Every structure is written in C-alpha cells, then in structure tokens.
Protein backbone atom coordinates (compact mmCIF):
# COMPACT_ATOMS: atom_id res chain seq x y z
CA MET A 1 -17.10 -14.78 9.84
CA VAL A 2 -14.54 -12.29 11.11
CA LEU A 3 -11.91 -10.73 8.86
CA GLU A 4 -8.61 -10.76 10.70
CA LYS A 5 -6.36 -9.74 7.81
CA TYR A 6 -7.29 -7.34 5.05
CA ILE A 7 -5.74 -4.85 2.63
CA ILE A 8 -6.15 -1.27 3.79
CA ALA A 9 -4.36 0.55 0.96
CA ALA A 10 -2.07 0.22 -2.04
CA VAL A 11 0.83 2.49 -2.98
CA THR A 12 2.17 2.31 -6.53
CA LEU A 13 4.09 3.94 -9.34
CA ASN A 14 1.94 2.18 -11.92
CA THR A 15 -1.84 2.28 -11.39
CA SER A 16 -2.41 -0.31 -14.11
CA LYS A 17 -0.91 -2.92 -11.73
CA VAL A 18 -3.41 -2.02 -9.00
CA PRO A 19 -6.59 -0.92 -10.77
CA ILE A 20 -8.68 -0.93 -7.60
CA ALA A 21 -7.99 -0.86 -3.86
CA PRO A 22 -9.75 0.45 -0.75
CA ALA A 23 -7.34 3.41 -0.92
CA LEU A 24 -4.97 3.80 -3.87
CA PHE A 25 -2.01 6.18 -3.73
CA HIS A 26 -0.11 6.97 -6.94
CA CYS A 27 3.49 8.17 -6.52
CA ASP A 28 5.96 9.59 -9.04
CA THR A 29 9.23 8.18 -7.68
CA ILE A 30 10.43 5.11 -5.77
CA GLU A 31 11.54 7.34 -2.89
CA GLU A 32 8.10 8.94 -2.65
CA MET A 33 6.47 5.50 -2.76
CA ASP A 34 8.74 4.18 0.03
CA ASP A 35 7.94 7.23 2.19
CA PHE A 36 4.19 6.93 1.55
CA ALA A 37 4.21 3.23 2.46
CA ALA A 38 6.18 3.85 5.67
CA ASN A 39 3.90 6.72 6.72
CA LEU A 40 0.69 4.84 5.93
CA GLU A 41 2.00 1.82 7.82
CA ALA A 42 2.35 3.95 10.96
CA ILE A 43 -0.82 6.02 10.50
CA LEU A 44 -3.10 3.07 9.71
CA ASP A 45 -1.48 0.70 12.22
CA GLY A 46 -0.82 -1.83 9.46
CA ILE A 47 2.15 -3.55 7.86
CA ALA A 48 3.62 -2.52 4.50
CA HIS A 49 4.42 -5.38 2.14
CA LYS A 50 6.43 -4.72 -1.02
CA LEU A 51 4.92 -6.90 -3.75
CA SER A 52 7.16 -5.66 -6.55
CA GLU A 53 9.53 -2.82 -7.37
CA ASP A 54 6.56 -0.50 -7.87
CA VAL A 55 3.76 -1.82 -5.61
CA TYR A 56 3.25 -1.85 -1.83
CA ILE A 57 0.14 -2.97 -0.02
CA ILE A 58 -0.71 -1.99 3.54
CA VAL A 59 -2.29 -4.91 5.40
CA LYS A 60 -4.04 -4.95 8.75
CA HIS A 61 -2.98 -8.06 10.69
C-alpha cells in the first residue's frame, strides 16, 4: 500500500478543533494563519486547504 495523499500539517486559531496533527501550528490572527498556510504550502511542497474560518490543512498530493 502506498500513501499518495496525506496531511502534512495543520494551521489553526483554535487548537481544540485540531487536537492532533503531524505538525500543528497555532496562530493568533486570521492574517497570521493565512501567511503560515501560504508559507508552509510552498516550503513543504503541499497544497493548503481551508476547512473552516480558523483551520487550514496542508496536504501532500
């Protein structure tokens, strides 16, 4: 079995919504969260998906 798609990281304003992730980044503002997601997307060669107003996941496709 080969994993082709997997979650690399989560970026959130509310850690209770994402209690565990391979890498969890807590931000204080929406702007900081948007910046973190965009930077991690580029650094980790993944895609940022906004799940809600305060949660992004970075997925490797």
